[in-house]
N, C-alpha and C. Protein backbone atom coordinates (compact mmCIF):
# COMPACT_ATOMS: atom_id res chain seq x y z
N LEU A 1 2.16 10.77 -18.57
CA LEU A 1 1.95 11.11 -16.90
C LEU A 1 0.28 11.21 -16.55
N GLY A 2 0.15 11.00 -15.54
CA GLY A 2 -1.49 10.81 -14.94
C GLY A 2 -1.12 11.08 -13.67
N ALA A 3 -2.07 10.21 -13.34
CA ALA A 3 -2.74 10.51 -11.34
C ALA A 3 -3.62 8.95 -11.39
N VAL A 4 -3.07 8.29 -9.99
CA VAL A 4 -4.09 7.77 -9.40
C VAL A 4 -4.08 7.66 -8.00
N THR A 5 -5.83 7.91 -7.89
CA THR A 5 -6.13 8.42 -6.61
C THR A 5 -7.10 7.56 -5.96
N GLU A 6 -6.30 6.58 -4.53
CA GLU A 6 -7.19 5.39 -4.28
C GLU A 6 -8.20 5.78 -3.04
N ALA A 7 -8.79 5.22 -3.04
CA ALA A 7 -10.42 5.11 -2.18
C ALA A 7 -10.13 4.04 -0.88
N HIS A 8 -8.81 3.71 -0.23
CA HIS A 8 -9.05 2.18 0.47
C HIS A 8 -9.70 2.35 1.96
N ALA A 9 -10.37 1.02 1.99
CA ALA A 9 -11.01 1.13 3.15
C ALA A 9 -9.95 -0.47 3.63
N GLY A 10 -9.44 -0.15 5.03
CA GLY A 10 -8.66 -1.36 5.70
C GLY A 10 -8.95 -1.86 6.98
N TYR A 11 -8.28 -2.68 7.51
CA TYR A 11 -8.11 -3.21 8.52
C TYR A 11 -6.40 -3.46 8.86
N GLU A 12 -6.14 -2.77 10.58
CA GLU A 12 -5.02 -3.74 11.10
C GLU A 12 -4.87 -3.91 12.00
N GLY A 13 -3.76 -4.40 12.50
CA GLY A 13 -3.61 -5.53 13.78
C GLY A 13 -2.06 -5.09 14.46
N GLU A 14 -1.83 -5.99 15.34
CA GLU A 14 -0.77 -6.33 15.72
C GLU A 14 0.12 -7.22 15.20
N LEU A 15 1.11 -7.37 15.69
CA LEU A 15 2.07 -8.80 15.86
C LEU A 15 2.97 -8.66 16.68
N GLY A 16 2.67 -9.31 17.58
CA GLY A 16 3.60 -9.43 19.25
C GLY A 16 3.51 -8.22 19.84
N GLU A 17 4.42 -8.15 20.24
CA GLU A 17 4.83 -7.04 20.81
C GLU A 17 5.22 -5.79 20.35
N ALA A 18 5.68 -5.88 19.25
CA ALA A 18 6.94 -4.98 18.26
C ALA A 18 6.00 -4.41 16.81
N GLY A 19 5.40 -5.23 16.59
CA GLY A 19 4.84 -5.36 15.00
C GLY A 19 3.73 -4.98 14.76
N THR A 20 3.07 -4.51 13.61
CA THR A 20 1.92 -4.24 13.15
C THR A 20 2.03 -4.68 11.75
N TRP A 21 0.60 -4.95 11.32
CA TRP A 21 0.23 -5.45 9.93
C TRP A 21 -0.89 -4.71 9.80
N TYR A 22 -0.93 -4.74 8.17
CA TYR A 22 -2.57 -3.75 7.41
C TYR A 22 -2.66 -4.70 6.53
N VAL A 23 -3.76 -4.55 6.20
CA VAL A 23 -4.60 -4.78 4.69
C VAL A 23 -5.49 -3.43 4.16
N GLN A 24 -5.72 -3.27 2.93
CA GLN A 24 -6.68 -2.51 2.38
C GLN A 24 -6.94 -2.47 0.91
N ALA A 25 -7.92 -2.17 0.39
CA ALA A 25 -8.43 -1.85 -0.71
C ALA A 25 -9.49 -1.08 -1.10
N GLY A 26 -9.93 -1.46 -2.24
CA GLY A 26 -11.07 -0.31 -2.93
C GLY A 26 -10.89 0.03 -4.37
N PRO A 27 -11.68 1.20 -4.56
CA PRO A 27 -11.69 1.54 -5.89
C PRO A 27 -10.21 2.26 -6.28
N ALA A 28 -9.61 2.46 -7.60
CA ALA A 28 -8.35 3.40 -7.87
C ALA A 28 -8.99 3.83 -9.07
N PHE A 29 -8.97 5.54 -9.05
CA PHE A 29 -9.27 5.98 -10.03
C PHE A 29 -8.08 6.53 -11.23
N VAL A 30 -7.78 6.16 -12.11
CA VAL A 30 -6.71 6.42 -12.85
C VAL A 30 -6.91 7.18 -14.12
N ALA A 31 -6.21 8.35 -13.56
CA ALA A 31 -6.40 9.98 -14.77
C ALA A 31 -4.93 9.55 -15.78
N ALA A 32 -5.19 9.00 -16.61
CA ALA A 32 -3.72 9.35 -18.05
C ALA A 32 -3.66 10.45 -18.40
N ASP A 33 -3.31 10.87 -19.00
CA ASP A 33 -3.23 12.33 -19.87
C ASP A 33 -3.65 11.94 -21.17
N GLY A 34 -4.92 12.71 -21.51
CA GLY A 34 -5.51 12.53 -22.65
C GLY A 34 -6.38 11.30 -23.25
N GLU A 35 -6.85 10.87 -21.96
CA GLU A 35 -7.76 9.30 -21.78
C GLU A 35 -9.00 9.78 -20.89
N ASP A 36 -9.71 8.78 -21.14
CA ASP A 36 -10.98 9.09 -19.99
C ASP A 36 -10.62 8.24 -18.92
N LEU A 37 -11.34 8.97 -17.54
CA LEU A 37 -11.11 8.35 -16.51
C LEU A 37 -11.54 6.82 -16.37
N GLU A 38 -10.50 6.14 -15.55
CA GLU A 38 -10.67 4.42 -15.42
C GLU A 38 -10.78 4.29 -14.10
N THR A 39 -11.90 3.28 -13.71
CA THR A 39 -12.16 2.82 -12.30
C THR A 39 -11.53 1.24 -12.25
N GLU A 40 -10.66 1.04 -11.50
CA GLU A 40 -9.80 -0.50 -11.10
C GLU A 40 -9.87 -0.64 -9.75
N PHE A 41 -9.38 -1.90 -9.47
CA PHE A 41 -9.63 -2.26 -8.20
C PHE A 41 -7.93 -2.10 -7.75
N SER A 42 -7.91 -2.26 -6.25
CA SER A 42 -6.49 -1.63 -5.82
C SER A 42 -6.37 -2.32 -4.53
N GLY A 43 -5.03 -3.04 -4.09
CA GLY A 43 -5.30 -3.02 -2.32
C GLY A 43 -3.58 -2.70 -2.19
N LYS A 44 -3.23 -3.00 -0.84
CA LYS A 44 -1.94 -3.31 0.00
C LYS A 44 -2.57 -4.03 0.97
N VAL A 45 -1.14 -4.82 1.06
CA VAL A 45 -1.20 -5.84 2.47
C VAL A 45 0.64 -5.25 2.90
N GLY A 46 0.88 -4.92 4.15
CA GLY A 46 2.17 -4.89 4.62
C GLY A 46 2.09 -5.57 5.85
N ALA A 47 3.33 -5.04 6.50
CA ALA A 47 3.64 -5.30 7.73
C ALA A 47 5.32 -3.96 8.40
N GLY A 48 4.75 -4.07 9.71
CA GLY A 48 6.80 -3.23 10.05
C GLY A 48 6.76 -3.96 11.43
N TYR A 49 7.99 -3.65 11.55
CA TYR A 49 8.54 -4.47 13.38
C TYR A 49 9.72 -3.29 13.82
N ASP A 50 9.25 -3.02 15.08
CA ASP A 50 10.26 -2.18 15.82
C ASP A 50 11.04 -2.88 16.24
N ILE A 51 12.37 -2.60 15.43
CA ILE A 51 13.84 -3.38 16.05
C ILE A 51 14.50 -2.94 17.25
N SER A 52 14.32 -1.65 17.41
CA SER A 52 14.78 -0.96 18.65
C SER A 52 13.45 0.27 18.83
N GLU A 53 13.76 1.17 19.71
CA GLU A 53 13.09 2.24 19.99
C GLU A 53 12.93 3.43 18.95
N SER A 54 14.07 3.49 17.66
CA SER A 54 14.10 4.34 16.88
C SER A 54 13.95 4.02 15.42
N VAL A 55 14.16 2.55 15.57
CA VAL A 55 14.45 2.24 14.28
C VAL A 55 13.19 0.89 13.63
N GLU A 56 12.89 0.80 12.83
CA GLU A 56 11.50 0.40 12.32
C GLU A 56 11.91 -0.43 10.71
N VAL A 57 11.80 -1.80 10.61
CA VAL A 57 11.76 -2.11 9.14
C VAL A 57 10.35 -2.51 8.62
N TYR A 58 9.90 -2.67 7.45
CA TYR A 58 8.83 -2.49 6.67
C TYR A 58 8.96 -3.43 5.37
N ALA A 59 7.25 -4.01 5.14
CA ALA A 59 7.60 -4.11 3.64
C ALA A 59 6.18 -4.17 3.57
N GLU A 60 5.68 -3.99 1.88
CA GLU A 60 4.51 -3.55 1.25
C GLU A 60 4.59 -4.34 0.11
N TYR A 61 2.99 -5.25 -0.19
CA TYR A 61 2.99 -5.62 -1.29
C TYR A 61 1.71 -4.77 -2.09
N SER A 62 1.44 -4.06 -3.13
CA SER A 62 0.48 -3.15 -3.46
C SER A 62 -0.16 -4.31 -5.24
N TRP A 63 -1.02 -3.88 -4.87
CA TRP A 63 -1.73 -4.68 -6.63
C TRP A 63 -2.54 -3.20 -7.38
N ILE A 64 -2.68 -3.23 -8.64
CA ILE A 64 -4.07 -2.79 -9.03
C ILE A 64 -4.37 -3.19 -10.83
N GLY A 65 -5.76 -3.19 -10.56
CA GLY A 65 -6.26 -4.61 -11.72
C GLY A 65 -7.03 -3.80 -12.19
N GLY A 66 -7.00 -3.78 -13.70
CA GLY A 66 -8.23 -3.67 -14.24
C GLY A 66 -8.70 -4.48 -15.70
N GLU A 67 -8.08 -4.00 -16.87
CA GLU A 67 -7.41 -4.97 -17.76
C GLU A 67 -6.19 -5.59 -17.82
N GLU A 68 -5.51 -4.85 -17.29
CA GLU A 68 -4.40 -5.78 -16.86
C GLU A 68 -4.06 -5.96 -15.27
N LEU A 69 -3.16 -6.70 -14.83
CA LEU A 69 -2.61 -6.63 -13.08
C LEU A 69 -1.37 -6.05 -13.20
N GLY A 70 -0.99 -5.35 -12.59
CA GLY A 70 0.06 -4.48 -11.90
C GLY A 70 0.53 -4.84 -10.71
N SER A 71 1.75 -5.11 -9.98
CA SER A 71 1.99 -5.41 -8.70
C SER A 71 3.14 -4.67 -8.34
N GLY A 72 3.94 -4.32 -7.14
CA GLY A 72 4.75 -4.00 -6.78
C GLY A 72 4.95 -4.14 -5.31
N VAL A 73 6.41 -4.54 -4.88
CA VAL A 73 6.74 -4.57 -3.48
C VAL A 73 7.53 -3.21 -3.13
N LYS A 74 7.57 -3.06 -1.80
CA LYS A 74 8.15 -1.98 -0.77
C LYS A 74 8.76 -2.42 -0.17
N THR A 75 10.02 -2.35 0.37
CA THR A 75 10.37 -2.70 1.71
C THR A 75 11.39 -1.51 1.78
N GLY A 76 11.47 -1.09 3.32
CA GLY A 76 12.37 -0.07 3.78
C GLY A 76 12.80 -0.21 5.66
N VAL A 77 13.45 1.06 5.76
CA VAL A 77 14.02 1.15 7.37
C VAL A 77 13.49 2.63 7.90
N THR A 78 12.72 2.94 8.46
CA THR A 78 12.43 3.78 8.90
C THR A 78 13.18 3.96 10.19
N TYR A 79 13.93 5.46 10.34
CA TYR A 79 14.36 5.89 11.40
C TYR A 79 14.00 7.19 12.34
N ARG A 80 13.08 6.76 13.30
CA ARG A 80 12.84 8.19 13.94
C ARG A 80 14.04 8.98 14.92
N PHE A 81 13.53 10.79 14.93
CA PHE A 81 14.46 10.88 15.21
C PHE A 81 14.47 11.27 17.15
């Protein structure tokens, strides 16, 4: 177990009338149990699009790198009440 704390700076913008996009990057402080704190570089790029007044779909690609590169993809739907 451990924790990763990211200190990102980024930028976001519009995609047409109903969408947004963003990009962010910066240092990631990795604290694994029983090991010294490591600093790596991480970032995210993503977009969201409103398909109705209460429903948004989104996708995000993220990465973290040091000695090894790790990455992941997240997608989903958000419903606003």
